[in-house]
PDB file of N, CA and C in Angstrom:
ATOM      1  N   MET A   1     -11.213 -11.660  12.127  1.00  0.00           N
ATOM      2  CA  MET A   1     -10.138 -10.946  11.470  1.00  0.00           C
ATOM      3  C   MET A   1     -10.762  -9.900  10.545  1.00  0.00           C
ATOM      4  N   ASN A   2     -10.770  -8.660  10.988  1.00  0.00           N
ATOM      5  CA  ASN A   2     -11.389  -7.573  10.224  1.00  0.00           C
ATOM      6  C   ASN A   2     -10.385  -6.508   9.832  1.00  0.00           C
ATOM      7  N   ASN A   3      -9.144  -6.920   9.593  1.00  0.00           N
ATOM      8  CA  ASN A   3      -8.112  -5.950   9.256  1.00  0.00           C
ATOM      9  C   ASN A   3      -7.677  -6.099   7.806  1.00  0.00           C
ATOM     10  N   ALA A   4      -7.125  -5.015   7.287  1.00  0.00           N
ATOM     11  CA  ALA A   4      -6.703  -5.011   5.890  1.00  0.00           C
ATOM     12  C   ALA A   4      -5.368  -4.282   5.755  1.00  0.00           C
ATOM     13  N   LEU A   5      -4.678  -4.613   4.689  1.00  0.00           N
ATOM     14  CA  LEU A   5      -3.444  -3.925   4.305  1.00  0.00           C
ATOM     15  C   LEU A   5      -3.665  -3.363   2.912  1.00  0.00           C
ATOM     16  N   LEU A   6      -3.451  -2.063   2.767  1.00  0.00           N
ATOM     17  CA  LEU A   6      -3.589  -1.405   1.479  1.00  0.00           C
ATOM     18  C   LEU A   6      -2.237  -0.860   1.057  1.00  0.00           C
ATOM     19  N   ILE A   7      -1.711  -1.386  -0.034  1.00  0.00           N
ATOM     20  CA  ILE A   7      -0.451  -0.908  -0.596  1.00  0.00           C
ATOM     21  C   ILE A   7      -0.808   0.202  -1.575  1.00  0.00           C
ATOM     22  N   ILE A   8      -0.226   1.374  -1.362  1.00  0.00           N
ATOM     23  CA  ILE A   8      -0.497   2.502  -2.258  1.00  0.00           C
ATOM     24  C   ILE A   8       0.759   2.802  -3.059  1.00  0.00           C
ATOM     25  N   SER A   9       0.605   2.792  -4.369  1.00  0.00           N
ATOM     26  CA  SER A   9       1.701   3.074  -5.286  1.00  0.00           C
ATOM     27  C   SER A   9       1.313   4.251  -6.171  1.00  0.00           C
ATOM     28  N   HIS A  10       2.266   4.722  -6.945  1.00  0.00           N
ATOM     29  CA  HIS A  10       2.039   5.884  -7.787  1.00  0.00           C
ATOM     30  C   HIS A  10       1.050   5.604  -8.909  1.00  0.00           C
ATOM     31  N   GLY A  11       1.295   4.550  -9.671  1.00  0.00           N
ATOM     32  CA  GLY A  11       0.545   4.282 -10.893  1.00  0.00           C
ATOM     33  C   GLY A  11       1.371   4.723 -12.077  1.00  0.00           C
ATOM     34  N   SER A  12       1.270   3.990 -13.167  1.00  0.00           N
ATOM     35  CA  SER A  12       2.118   4.255 -14.324  1.00  0.00           C
ATOM     36  C   SER A  12       1.349   4.047 -15.619  1.00  0.00           C
ATOM     37  N   ARG A  13       1.782   4.746 -16.648  1.00  0.00           N
ATOM     38  CA  ARG A  13       1.251   4.484 -17.997  1.00  0.00           C
ATOM     39  C   ARG A  13       1.793   3.163 -18.513  1.00  0.00           C
ATOM     40  N   ARG A  14       2.906   2.739 -17.948  1.00  0.00           N
ATOM     41  CA  ARG A  14       3.549   1.484 -18.340  1.00  0.00           C
ATOM     42  C   ARG A  14       2.918   0.337 -17.558  1.00  0.00           C
ATOM     43  N   SER A  15       2.165  -0.510 -18.229  1.00  0.00           N
ATOM     44  CA  SER A  15       1.421  -1.565 -17.540  1.00  0.00           C
ATOM     45  C   SER A  15       2.332  -2.530 -16.785  1.00  0.00           C
ATOM     46  N   ALA A  16       3.549  -2.753 -17.279  1.00  0.00           N
ATOM     47  CA  ALA A  16       4.468  -3.661 -16.585  1.00  0.00           C
ATOM     48  C   ALA A  16       4.807  -3.138 -15.192  1.00  0.00           C
ATOM     49  N   SER A  17       4.882  -1.835 -15.042  1.00  0.00           N
ATOM     50  CA  SER A  17       5.147  -1.245 -13.727  1.00  0.00           C
ATOM     51  C   SER A  17       3.978  -1.511 -12.779  1.00  0.00           C
ATOM     52  N   ASN A  18       2.770  -1.324 -13.251  1.00  0.00           N
ATOM     53  CA  ASN A  18       1.588  -1.601 -12.434  1.00  0.00           C
ATOM     54  C   ASN A  18       1.500  -3.083 -12.091  1.00  0.00           C
ATOM     55  N   GLU A  19       1.886  -3.926 -13.024  1.00  0.00           N
ATOM     56  CA  GLU A  19       1.881  -5.377 -12.788  1.00  0.00           C
ATOM     57  C   GLU A  19       2.847  -5.759 -11.673  1.00  0.00           C
ATOM     58  N   GLU A  20       3.967  -5.049 -11.555  1.00  0.00           N
ATOM     59  CA  GLU A  20       4.908  -5.324 -10.458  1.00  0.00           C
ATOM     60  C   GLU A  20       4.233  -5.090  -9.112  1.00  0.00           C
ATOM     61  N   VAL A  21       3.457  -4.034  -9.014  1.00  0.00           N
ATOM     62  CA  VAL A  21       2.754  -3.738  -7.768  1.00  0.00           C
ATOM     63  C   VAL A  21       1.702  -4.808  -7.498  1.00  0.00           C
ATOM     64  N   LEU A  22       0.991  -5.218  -8.528  1.00  0.00           N
ATOM     65  CA  LEU A  22      -0.005  -6.274  -8.372  1.00  0.00           C
ATOM     66  C   LEU A  22       0.642  -7.595  -7.949  1.00  0.00           C
ATOM     67  N   SER A  23       1.814  -7.896  -8.509  1.00  0.00           N
ATOM     68  CA  SER A  23       2.535  -9.107  -8.142  1.00  0.00           C
ATOM     69  C   SER A  23       3.002  -9.055  -6.686  1.00  0.00           C
ATOM     70  N   LEU A  24       3.529  -7.917  -6.266  1.00  0.00           N
ATOM     71  CA  LEU A  24       3.921  -7.745  -4.869  1.00  0.00           C
ATOM     72  C   LEU A  24       2.713  -7.935  -3.962  1.00  0.00           C
ATOM     73  N   THR A  25       1.598  -7.373  -4.342  1.00  0.00           N
ATOM     74  CA  THR A  25       0.367  -7.503  -3.562  1.00  0.00           C
ATOM     75  C   THR A  25      -0.032  -8.959  -3.415  1.00  0.00           C
ATOM     76  N   THR A  26       0.041  -9.717  -4.490  1.00  0.00           N
ATOM     77  CA  THR A  26      -0.287 -11.138  -4.437  1.00  0.00           C
ATOM     78  C   THR A  26       0.647 -11.877  -3.488  1.00  0.00           C
ATOM     79  N   SER A  27       1.939 -11.584  -3.561  1.00  0.00           N
ATOM     80  CA  SER A  27       2.911 -12.226  -2.671  1.00  0.00           C
ATOM     81  C   SER A  27       2.634 -11.883  -1.212  1.00  0.00           C
ATOM     82  N   LEU A  28       2.337 -10.621  -0.940  1.00  0.00           N
ATOM     83  CA  LEU A  28       2.025 -10.217   0.426  1.00  0.00           C
ATOM     84  C   LEU A  28       0.723 -10.840   0.909  1.00  0.00           C
ATOM     85  N   ARG A  29      -0.241 -10.956   0.028  1.00  0.00           N
ATOM     86  CA  ARG A  29      -1.522 -11.589   0.373  1.00  0.00           C
ATOM     87  C   ARG A  29      -1.289 -13.032   0.814  1.00  0.00           C
ATOM     88  N   GLU A  30      -0.458 -13.740   0.061  1.00  0.00           N
ATOM     89  CA  GLU A  30      -0.156 -15.133   0.406  1.00  0.00           C
ATOM     90  C   GLU A  30       0.608 -15.218   1.721  1.00  0.00           C
ATOM     91  N   ALA A  31       1.548 -14.320   1.936  1.00  0.00           N
ATOM     92  CA  ALA A  31       2.358 -14.339   3.155  1.00  0.00           C
ATOM     93  C   ALA A  31       1.535 -13.974   4.392  1.00  0.00           C
ATOM     94  N   ALA A  32       0.542 -13.128   4.222  1.00  0.00           N
ATOM     95  CA  ALA A  32      -0.228 -12.627   5.362  1.00  0.00           C
ATOM     96  C   ALA A  32      -1.588 -13.312   5.514  1.00  0.00           C
ATOM     97  N   ALA A  33      -1.811 -14.386   4.792  1.00  0.00           N
ATOM     98  CA  ALA A  33      -3.133 -15.008   4.743  1.00  0.00           C
ATOM     99  C   ALA A  33      -3.714 -15.331   6.114  1.00  0.00           C
ATOM    100  N   SER A  34      -2.885 -15.707   7.054  1.00  0.00           N
ATOM    101  CA  SER A  34      -3.417 -16.089   8.359  1.00  0.00           C
ATOM    102  C   SER A  34      -3.564 -14.911   9.328  1.00  0.00           C
ATOM    103  N   SER A  35      -3.062 -13.744   8.958  1.00  0.00           N
ATOM    104  CA  SER A  35      -3.109 -12.628   9.906  1.00  0.00           C
ATOM    105  C   SER A  35      -3.822 -11.371   9.394  1.00  0.00           C
ATOM    106  N   VAL A  36      -4.061 -11.290   8.096  1.00  0.00           N
ATOM    107  CA  VAL A  36      -4.713 -10.112   7.514  1.00  0.00           C
ATOM    108  C   VAL A  36      -5.846 -10.591   6.612  1.00  0.00           C
ATOM    109  N   ALA A  37      -7.036 -10.039   6.842  1.00  0.00           N
ATOM    110  CA  ALA A  37      -8.202 -10.476   6.074  1.00  0.00           C
ATOM    111  C   ALA A  37      -8.106 -10.102   4.598  1.00  0.00           C
ATOM    112  N   ILE A  38      -7.659  -8.883   4.339  1.00  0.00           N
ATOM    113  CA  ILE A  38      -7.588  -8.390   2.960  1.00  0.00           C
ATOM    114  C   ILE A  38      -6.241  -7.726   2.738  1.00  0.00           C
ATOM    115  N   VAL A  39      -5.579  -8.075   1.659  1.00  0.00           N
ATOM    116  CA  VAL A  39      -4.376  -7.377   1.207  1.00  0.00           C
ATOM    117  C   VAL A  39      -4.653  -6.965  -0.231  1.00  0.00           C
ATOM    118  N   ASP A  40      -4.561  -5.667  -0.492  1.00  0.00           N
ATOM    119  CA  ASP A  40      -4.836  -5.188  -1.841  1.00  0.00           C
ATOM    120  C   ASP A  40      -4.023  -3.926  -2.105  1.00  0.00           C
ATOM    121  N   CYS A  41      -4.134  -3.425  -3.339  1.00  0.00           N
ATOM    122  CA  CYS A  41      -3.361  -2.240  -3.704  1.00  0.00           C
ATOM    123  C   CYS A  41      -4.247  -1.233  -4.424  1.00  0.00           C
ATOM    124  N   ALA A  42      -3.748   0.005  -4.437  1.00  0.00           N
ATOM    125  CA  ALA A  42      -4.420   1.098  -5.133  1.00  0.00           C
ATOM    126  C   ALA A  42      -3.346   2.042  -5.644  1.00  0.00           C
ATOM    127  N   PHE A  43      -3.747   2.921  -6.550  1.00  0.00           N
ATOM    128  CA  PHE A  43      -2.806   3.830  -7.196  1.00  0.00           C
ATOM    129  C   PHE A  43      -3.252   5.275  -7.023  1.00  0.00           C
ATOM    130  N   LEU A  44      -2.283   6.152  -6.858  1.00  0.00           N
ATOM    131  CA  LEU A  44      -2.586   7.573  -6.683  1.00  0.00           C
ATOM    132  C   LEU A  44      -2.914   8.258  -8.001  1.00  0.00           C
ATOM    133  N   GLU A  45      -2.282   7.827  -9.077  1.00  0.00           N
ATOM    134  CA  GLU A  45      -2.454   8.517 -10.358  1.00  0.00           C
ATOM    135  C   GLU A  45      -2.483   7.512 -11.513  1.00  0.00           C
ATOM    136  N   ILE A  46      -2.985   7.950 -12.616  1.00  0.00           N
ATOM    137  CA  ILE A  46      -2.887   7.339 -13.936  1.00  0.00           C
ATOM    138  C   ILE A  46      -3.710   6.073 -14.118  1.00  0.00           C
ATOM    139  N   THR A  47      -3.730   5.176 -13.151  1.00  0.00           N
ATOM    140  CA  THR A  47      -4.428   3.908 -13.322  1.00  0.00           C
ATOM    141  C   THR A  47      -5.344   3.635 -12.142  1.00  0.00           C
ATOM    142  N   ARG A  48      -6.117   2.612 -12.248  1.00  0.00           N
ATOM    143  CA  ARG A  48      -7.087   2.247 -11.222  1.00  0.00           C
ATOM    144  C   ARG A  48      -6.763   0.868 -10.690  1.00  0.00           C
ATOM    145  N   PRO A  49      -7.240   0.564  -9.507  1.00  0.00           N
ATOM    146  CA  PRO A  49      -8.202   1.290  -8.705  1.00  0.00           C
ATOM    147  C   PRO A  49      -7.554   2.464  -7.971  1.00  0.00           C
ATOM    148  N   THR A  50      -8.357   3.489  -7.730  1.00  0.00           N
ATOM    149  CA  THR A  50      -7.881   4.624  -6.952  1.00  0.00           C
ATOM    150  C   THR A  50      -7.888   4.243  -5.470  1.00  0.00           C
ATOM    151  N   VAL A  51      -7.259   5.060  -4.669  1.00  0.00           N
ATOM    152  CA  VAL A  51      -7.219   4.819  -3.226  1.00  0.00           C
ATOM    153  C   VAL A  51      -8.638   4.806  -2.656  1.00  0.00           C
ATOM    154  N   GLN A  52      -9.441   5.784  -3.026  1.00  0.00           N
ATOM    155  CA  GLN A  52     -10.807   5.848  -2.484  1.00  0.00           C
ATOM    156  C   GLN A  52     -11.663   4.670  -2.948  1.00  0.00           C
ATOM    157  N   GLU A  53     -11.510   4.268  -4.195  1.00  0.00           N
ATOM    158  CA  GLU A  53     -12.258   3.102  -4.673  1.00  0.00           C
ATOM    159  C   GLU A  53     -11.914   1.860  -3.860  1.00  0.00           C
ATOM    160  N   LYS A  54     -10.638   1.657  -3.615  1.00  0.00           N
ATOM    161  CA  LYS A  54     -10.215   0.464  -2.893  1.00  0.00           C
ATOM    162  C   LYS A  54     -10.635   0.522  -1.432  1.00  0.00           C
ATOM    163  N   ILE A  55     -10.529   1.700  -0.809  1.00  0.00           N
ATOM    164  CA  ILE A  55     -10.959   1.820   0.588  1.00  0.00           C
ATOM    165  C   ILE A  55     -12.466   1.602   0.701  1.00  0.00           C
ATOM    166  N   ASP A  56     -13.234   2.147  -0.232  1.00  0.00           N
ATOM    167  CA  ASP A  56     -14.687   1.907  -0.235  1.00  0.00           C
ATOM    168  C   ASP A  56     -14.978   0.414  -0.321  1.00  0.00           C
ATOM    169  N   GLN A  57     -14.262  -0.277  -1.187  1.00  0.00           N
ATOM    170  CA  GLN A  57     -14.452  -1.718  -1.352  1.00  0.00           C
ATOM    171  C   GLN A  57     -14.114  -2.456  -0.050  1.00  0.00           C
ATOM    172  N   MET A  58     -13.000  -2.070   0.580  1.00  0.00           N
ATOM    173  CA  MET A  58     -12.617  -2.700   1.851  1.00  0.00           C
ATOM    174  C   MET A  58     -13.668  -2.421   2.923  1.00  0.00           C
ATOM    175  N   ALA A  59     -14.148  -1.190   2.978  1.00  0.00           N
ATOM    176  CA  ALA A  59     -15.175  -0.825   3.963  1.00  0.00           C
ATOM    177  C   ALA A  59     -16.441  -1.647   3.751  1.00  0.00           C
ATOM    178  N   ASN A  60     -16.829  -1.836   2.510  1.00  0.00           N
ATOM    179  CA  ASN A  60     -18.028  -2.614   2.197  1.00  0.00           C
ATOM    180  C   ASN A  60     -17.876  -4.084   2.559  1.00  0.00           C
ATOM    181  N   SER A  61     -16.627  -4.546   2.688  1.00  0.00           N
ATOM    182  CA  SER A  61     -16.410  -5.949   3.060  1.00  0.00           C
ATOM    183  C   SER A  61     -16.393  -6.128   4.580  1.00  0.00           C
ATOM    184  N   GLY A  62     -16.476  -5.022   5.324  1.00  0.00           N
ATOM    185  CA  GLY A  62     -16.592  -5.124   6.770  1.00  0.00           C
ATOM    186  C   GLY A  62     -15.317  -4.947   7.568  1.00  0.00           C
ATOM    187  N   VAL A  63     -14.225  -4.506   6.949  1.00  0.00           N
ATOM    188  CA  VAL A  63     -13.006  -4.313   7.729  1.00  0.00           C
ATOM    189  C   VAL A  63     -13.190  -3.165   8.721  1.00  0.00           C
ATOM    190  N   THR A  64     -12.489  -3.255   9.832  1.00  0.00           N
ATOM    191  CA  THR A  64     -12.562  -2.209  10.850  1.00  0.00           C
ATOM    192  C   THR A  64     -11.221  -1.502  11.017  1.00  0.00           C
ATOM    193  N   SER A  65     -10.187  -2.038  10.371  1.00  0.00           N
ATOM    194  CA  SER A  65      -8.850  -1.463  10.479  1.00  0.00           C
ATOM    195  C   SER A  65      -8.118  -1.634   9.146  1.00  0.00           C
ATOM    196  N   ILE A  66      -7.499  -0.546   8.678  1.00  0.00           N
ATOM    197  CA  ILE A  66      -6.719  -0.607   7.444  1.00  0.00           C
ATOM    198  C   ILE A  66      -5.337  -0.026   7.707  1.00  0.00           C
ATOM    199  N   GLN A  67      -4.323  -0.850   7.475  1.00  0.00           N
ATOM    200  CA  GLN A  67      -2.944  -0.372   7.495  1.00  0.00           C
ATOM    201  C   GLN A  67      -2.592   0.023   6.074  1.00  0.00           C
ATOM    202  N   VAL A  68      -1.985   1.181   5.929  1.00  0.00           N
ATOM    203  CA  VAL A  68      -1.649   1.733   4.617  1.00  0.00           C
ATOM    204  C   VAL A  68      -0.135   1.701   4.452  1.00  0.00           C
ATOM    205  N   PHE A  69       0.316   1.015   3.400  1.00  0.00           N
ATOM    206  CA  PHE A  69       1.751   0.927   3.123  1.00  0.00           C
ATOM    207  C   PHE A  69       2.090   1.738   1.879  1.00  0.00           C
ATOM    208  N   PRO A  70       2.791   2.871   2.046  1.00  0.00           N
ATOM    209  CA  PRO A  70       3.208   3.671   0.897  1.00  0.00           C
ATOM    210  C   PRO A  70       4.376   2.997   0.154  1.00  0.00           C
ATOM    211  N   HIS A  71       4.117   2.562  -1.044  1.00  0.00           N
ATOM    212  CA  HIS A  71       5.107   1.864  -1.873  1.00  0.00           C
ATOM    213  C   HIS A  71       5.930   2.912  -2.639  1.00  0.00           C
ATOM    214  N   PHE A  72       6.730   3.674  -1.883  1.00  0.00           N
ATOM    215  CA  PHE A  72       7.540   4.761  -2.431  1.00  0.00           C
ATOM    216  C   PHE A  72       8.914   4.716  -1.791  1.00  0.00           C
ATOM    217  N   LEU A  73       9.943   5.033  -2.570  1.00  0.00           N
ATOM    218  CA  LEU A  73      11.303   5.006  -2.041  1.00  0.00           C
ATOM    219  C   LEU A  73      11.650   6.241  -1.223  1.00  0.00           C
ATOM    220  N   ALA A  74      11.084   7.377  -1.536  1.00  0.00           N
ATOM    221  CA  ALA A  74      11.429   8.605  -0.829  1.00  0.00           C
ATOM    222  C   ALA A  74      10.161   9.294  -0.314  1.00  0.00           C
ATOM    223  N   ALA A  75      10.342  10.107   0.704  1.00  0.00           N
ATOM    224  CA  ALA A  75       9.220  10.826   1.314  1.00  0.00           C
ATOM    225  C   ALA A  75       8.970  12.137   0.562  1.00  0.00           C
ATOM    226  N   GLY A  76       8.575  12.005  -0.693  1.00  0.00           N
ATOM    227  CA  GLY A  76       8.228  13.170  -1.500  1.00  0.00           C
ATOM    228  C   GLY A  76       6.796  13.598  -1.227  1.00  0.00           C
ATOM    229  N   ALA A  77       6.238  14.359  -2.152  1.00  0.00           N
ATOM    230  CA  ALA A  77       4.898  14.920  -1.973  1.00  0.00           C
ATOM    231  C   ALA A  77       3.821  13.852  -1.818  1.00  0.00           C
ATOM    232  N   HIS A  78       3.943  12.740  -2.531  1.00  0.00           N
ATOM    233  CA  HIS A  78       2.920  11.696  -2.416  1.00  0.00           C
ATOM    234  C   HIS A  78       2.895  11.108  -1.008  1.00  0.00           C
ATOM    235  N   VAL A  79       4.063  10.812  -0.455  1.00  0.00           N
ATOM    236  CA  VAL A  79       4.138  10.225   0.890  1.00  0.00           C
ATOM    237  C   VAL A  79       3.780  11.261   1.950  1.00  0.00           C
ATOM    238  N   THR A  80       4.281  12.468   1.793  1.00  0.00           N
ATOM    239  CA  THR A  80       4.138  13.494   2.819  1.00  0.00           C
ATOM    240  C   THR A  80       2.767  14.169   2.821  1.00  0.00           C
ATOM    241  N   PHE A  81       2.199  14.377   1.638  1.00  0.00           N
ATOM    242  CA  PHE A  81       0.946  15.129   1.550  1.00  0.00           C
ATOM    243  C   PHE A  81      -0.220  14.333   0.968  1.00  0.00           C
ATOM    244  N   ASP A  82       0.001  13.699  -0.178  1.00  0.00           N
ATOM    245  CA  ASP A  82      -1.113  13.093  -0.911  1.00  0.00           C
ATOM    246  C   ASP A  82      -1.729  11.893  -0.197  1.00  0.00           C
ATOM    247  N   ILE A  83      -0.895  10.989   0.285  1.00  0.00           N
ATOM    248  CA  ILE A  83      -1.436   9.813   0.980  1.00  0.00           C
ATOM    249  C   ILE A  83      -2.146  10.231   2.274  1.00  0.00           C
ATOM    250  N   PRO A  84      -1.538  11.068   3.124  1.00  0.00           N
ATOM    251  CA  PRO A  84      -2.287  11.507   4.309  1.00  0.00           C
ATOM    252  C   PRO A  84      -3.616  12.204   3.966  1.00  0.00           C
ATOM    253  N   ARG A  85      -3.639  12.974   2.882  1.00  0.00           N
ATOM    254  CA  ARG A  85      -4.879  13.638   2.463  1.00  0.00           C
ATOM    255  C   ARG A  85      -5.929  12.598   2.028  1.00  0.00           C
ATOM    256  N   GLU A  86      -5.499  11.588   1.287  1.00  0.00           N
ATOM    257  CA  GLU A  86      -6.418  10.517   0.877  1.00  0.00           C
ATOM    258  C   GLU A  86      -6.981   9.790   2.098  1.00  0.00           C
ATOM    259  N   ILE A  87      -6.111   9.530   3.072  1.00  0.00           N
ATOM    260  CA  ILE A  87      -6.555   8.804   4.264  1.00  0.00           C
ATOM    261  C   ILE A  87      -7.479   9.674   5.114  1.00  0.00           C
ATOM    262  N   GLU A  88      -7.227  10.953   5.184  1.00  0.00           N
ATOM    263  CA  GLU A  88      -8.126  11.836   5.925  1.00  0.00           C
ATOM    264  C   GLU A  88      -9.509  11.866   5.269  1.00  0.00           C
ATOM    265  N   THR A  89      -9.548  11.889   3.948  1.00  0.00           N
ATOM    266  CA  THR A  89     -10.828  11.818   3.232  1.00  0.00           C
ATOM    267  C   THR A  89     -11.548  10.516   3.572  1.00  0.00           C
ATOM    268  N   ALA A  90     -10.810   9.415   3.589  1.00  0.00           N
ATOM    269  CA  ALA A  90     -11.396   8.114   3.911  1.00  0.00           C
ATOM    270  C   ALA A  90     -11.885   8.067   5.360  1.00  0.00           C
ATOM    271  N   ARG A  91     -11.142   8.672   6.271  1.00  0.00           N
ATOM    272  CA  ARG A  91     -11.568   8.717   7.684  1.00  0.00           C
ATOM    273  C   ARG A  91     -12.914   9.436   7.824  1.00  0.00           C
ATOM    274  N   GLN A  92     -13.068  10.515   7.091  1.00  0.00           N
ATOM    275  CA  GLN A  92     -14.323  11.277   7.138  1.00  0.00           C
ATOM    276  C   GLN A  92     -15.481  10.430   6.599  1.00  0.00           C
ATOM    277  N   LYS A  93     -15.206   9.703   5.539  1.00  0.00           N
ATOM    278  CA  LYS A  93     -16.239   8.904   4.878  1.00  0.00           C
ATOM    279  C   LYS A  93     -16.554   7.616   5.636  1.00  0.00           C
ATOM    280  N   HIS A  94     -15.536   7.060   6.310  1.00  0.00           N
ATOM    281  CA  HIS A  94     -15.681   5.774   7.004  1.00  0.00           C
ATOM    282  C   HIS A  94     -15.204   5.916   8.454  1.00  0.00           C
ATOM    283  N   PRO A  95     -15.970   6.619   9.302  1.00  0.00           N
ATOM    284  CA  PRO A  95     -15.515   6.873  10.673  1.00  0.00           C
ATOM    285  C   PRO A  95     -15.377   5.614  11.533  1.00  0.00           C
ATOM    286  N   GLY A  96     -15.977   4.524  11.135  1.00  0.00           N
ATOM    287  CA  GLY A  96     -15.875   3.281  11.895  1.00  0.00           C
ATOM    288  C   GLY A  96     -14.606   2.491  11.617  1.00  0.00           C
ATOM    289  N   ILE A  97     -13.778   2.973  10.704  1.00  0.00           N
ATOM    290  CA  ILE A  97     -12.543   2.265  10.341  1.00  0.00           C
ATOM    291  C   ILE A  97     -11.353   3.023  10.917  1.00  0.00           C
ATOM    292  N   THR A  98     -10.437   2.272  11.512  1.00  0.00           N
ATOM    293  CA  THR A  98      -9.182   2.839  12.003  1.00  0.00           C
ATOM    294  C   THR A  98      -8.153   2.730  10.893  1.00  0.00           C
ATOM    295  N   PHE A  99      -7.466   3.818  10.609  1.00  0.00           N
ATOM    296  CA  PHE A  99      -6.422   3.847   9.585  1.00  0.00           C
ATOM    297  C   PHE A  99      -5.074   4.089  10.248  1.00  0.00           C
ATOM    298  N   HIS A 100      -4.064   3.406   9.748  1.00  0.00           N
ATOM    299  CA  HIS A 100      -2.701   3.606  10.236  1.00  0.00           C
ATOM    300  C   HIS A 100      -1.766   3.626   9.027  1.00  0.00           C
ATOM    301  N   ILE A 101      -1.098   4.755   8.817  1.00  0.00           N
ATOM    302  CA  ILE A 101      -0.148   4.856   7.709  1.00  0.00           C
ATOM    303  C   ILE A 101       1.200   4.349   8.196  1.00  0.00           C
ATOM    304  N   LEU A 102       1.690   3.316   7.543  1.00  0.00           N
ATOM    305  CA  LEU A 102       2.977   2.710   7.871  1.00  0.00           C
ATOM    306  C   LEU A 102       4.124   3.530   7.277  1.00  0.00           C
ATOM    307  N   PRO A 103       5.355   3.298   7.731  1.00  0.00           N
ATOM    308  CA  PRO A 103       6.512   3.951   7.100  1.00  0.00           C
ATOM    309  C   PRO A 103       6.605   3.551   5.623  1.00  0.00           C
ATOM    310  N   HIS A 104       7.041   4.476   4.784  1.00  0.00           N
ATOM    311  CA  HIS A 104       7.168   4.190   3.357  1.00  0.00           C
ATOM    312  C   HIS A 104       8.337   3.221   3.095  1.00  0.00           C
ATOM    313  N   LEU A 105       8.305   2.583   1.954  1.00  0.00           N
ATOM    314  CA  LEU A 105       9.275   1.554   1.587  1.00  0.00           C
ATOM    315  C   LEU A 105      10.718   1.996   1.792  1.00  0.00           C
ATOM    316  N   GLY A 106      11.070   3.161   1.312  1.00  0.00           N
ATOM    317  CA  GLY A 106      12.451   3.626   1.386  1.00  0.00           C
ATOM    318  C   GLY A 106      12.969   3.851   2.789  1.00  0.00           C
ATOM    319  N   SER A 107      12.076   3.956   3.763  1.00  0.00           N
ATOM    320  CA  SER A 107      12.506   4.199   5.137  1.00  0.00           C
ATOM    321  C   SER A 107      12.637   2.923   5.967  1.00  0.00           C
ATOM    322  N   LEU A 108      12.338   1.780   5.365  1.00  0.00           N
ATOM    323  CA  LEU A 108      12.369   0.538   6.134  1.00  0.00           C
ATOM    324  C   LEU A 108      13.789   0.193   6.570  1.00  0.00           C
ATOM    325  N   GLU A 109      13.906  -0.204   7.812  1.00  0.00           N
ATOM    326  CA  GLU A 109      15.196  -0.464   8.431  1.00  0.00           C
ATOM    327  C   GLU A 109      16.034  -1.497   7.679  1.00  0.00           C
ATOM    328  N   GLY A 110      15.446  -2.543   7.169  1.00  0.00           N
ATOM    329  CA  GLY A 110      16.202  -3.606   6.517  1.00  0.00           C
ATOM    330  C   GLY A 110      16.533  -3.368   5.056  1.00  0.00           C
ATOM    331  N   LEU A 111      16.071  -2.265   4.487  1.00  0.00           N
ATOM    332  CA  LEU A 111      16.281  -2.023   3.062  1.00  0.00           C
ATOM    333  C   LEU A 111      17.752  -1.927   2.666  1.00  0.00           C
ATOM    334  N   PRO A 112      18.604  -1.203   3.401  1.00  0.00           N
ATOM    335  CA  PRO A 112      20.022  -1.157   3.012  1.00  0.00           C
ATOM    336  C   PRO A 112      20.680  -2.548   3.005  1.00  0.00           C
ATOM    337  N   THR A 113      20.338  -3.373   3.967  1.00  0.00           N
ATOM    338  CA  THR A 113      20.887  -4.732   4.024  1.00  0.00           C
ATOM    339  C   THR A 113      20.418  -5.542   2.822  1.00  0.00           C
ATOM    340  N   LEU A 114      19.163  -5.434   2.481  1.00  0.00           N
ATOM    341  CA  LEU A 114      18.622  -6.144   1.320  1.00  0.00           C
ATOM    342  C   LEU A 114      19.319  -5.697   0.037  1.00  0.00           C
ATOM    343  N   ILE A 115      19.528  -4.405  -0.115  1.00  0.00           N
ATOM    344  CA  ILE A 115      20.217  -3.884  -1.309  1.00  0.00           C
ATOM    345  C   ILE A 115      21.646  -4.420  -1.361  1.00  0.00           C
ATOM    346  N   PHE A 116      22.331  -4.379  -0.229  1.00  0.00           N
ATOM    347  CA  PHE A 116      23.712  -4.843  -0.195  1.00  0.00           C
ATOM    348  C   PHE A 116      23.796  -6.340  -0.507  1.00  0.00           C
ATOM    349  N   LYS A 117      22.885  -7.139   0.049  1.00  0.00           N
ATOM    350  CA  LYS A 117      22.864  -8.578  -0.238  1.00  0.00           C
ATOM    351  C   LYS A 117      22.623  -8.827  -1.722  1.00  0.00           C
ATOM    352  N   THR A 118      21.747  -8.028  -2.324  1.00  0.00           N
ATOM    353  CA  THR A 118      21.473  -8.165  -3.751  1.00  0.00           C
ATOM    354  C   THR A 118      22.714  -7.849  -4.575  1.00  0.00           C
ATOM    355  N   ILE A 119      23.436  -6.811  -4.188  1.00  0.00           N
ATOM    356  CA  ILE A 119      24.667  -6.443  -4.881  1.00  0.00           C
ATOM    357  C   ILE A 119      25.685  -7.577  -4.775  1.00  0.00           C
ATOM    358  N   GLN A 120      25.814  -8.156  -3.596  1.00  0.00           N
ATOM    359  CA  GLN A 120      26.778  -9.234  -3.389  1.00  0.00           C
ATOM    360  C   GLN A 120      26.438 -10.470  -4.218  1.00  0.00           C
ATOM    361  N   THR A 121      25.164 -10.773  -4.354  1.00  0.00           N
ATOM    362  CA  THR A 121      24.789 -12.002  -5.063  1.00  0.00           C
ATOM    363  C   THR A 121      24.768 -11.836  -6.571  1.00  0.00           C
ATOM    364  N   THR A 122      24.763 -10.608  -7.059  1.00  0.00           N
ATOM    365  CA  THR A 122      24.727 -10.402  -8.506  1.00  0.00           C
ATOM    366  C   THR A 122      26.069  -9.963  -9.084  1.00  0.00           C
ATOM    367  N   SER A 123      27.073  -9.763  -8.232  1.00  0.00           N
ATOM    368  CA  SER A 123      28.380  -9.319  -8.733  1.00  0.00           C
ATOM    369  C   SER A 123      29.256 -10.504  -9.110  1.00  0.00           C
TER     370      SER A 123
END
């Protein structure tokens, strides 16, 4: 098992926001333990680890495939330009690793159902 999942989030000056991403990462790591060797996260701005730092770390651990999950609700500049640019830089640096950028959070098919269920259970 030489595959990894990298969750990429914006990064915040507010540590509680970054902690939410770290908590999600831990939950995903536990859920994917039998199918993904490494599940971790990185941030585009403000806080660390950066995307390149985390990819370097994953590469040094021997992964051959990294799936990238953009933790963003909308396909703004970070999803459309910044993440692909980061991954292209990583491809150049680590040609032996296959990268696949997954659909961003806001585009996931089940998200409207999840939101509606949440509304129903909290009203």
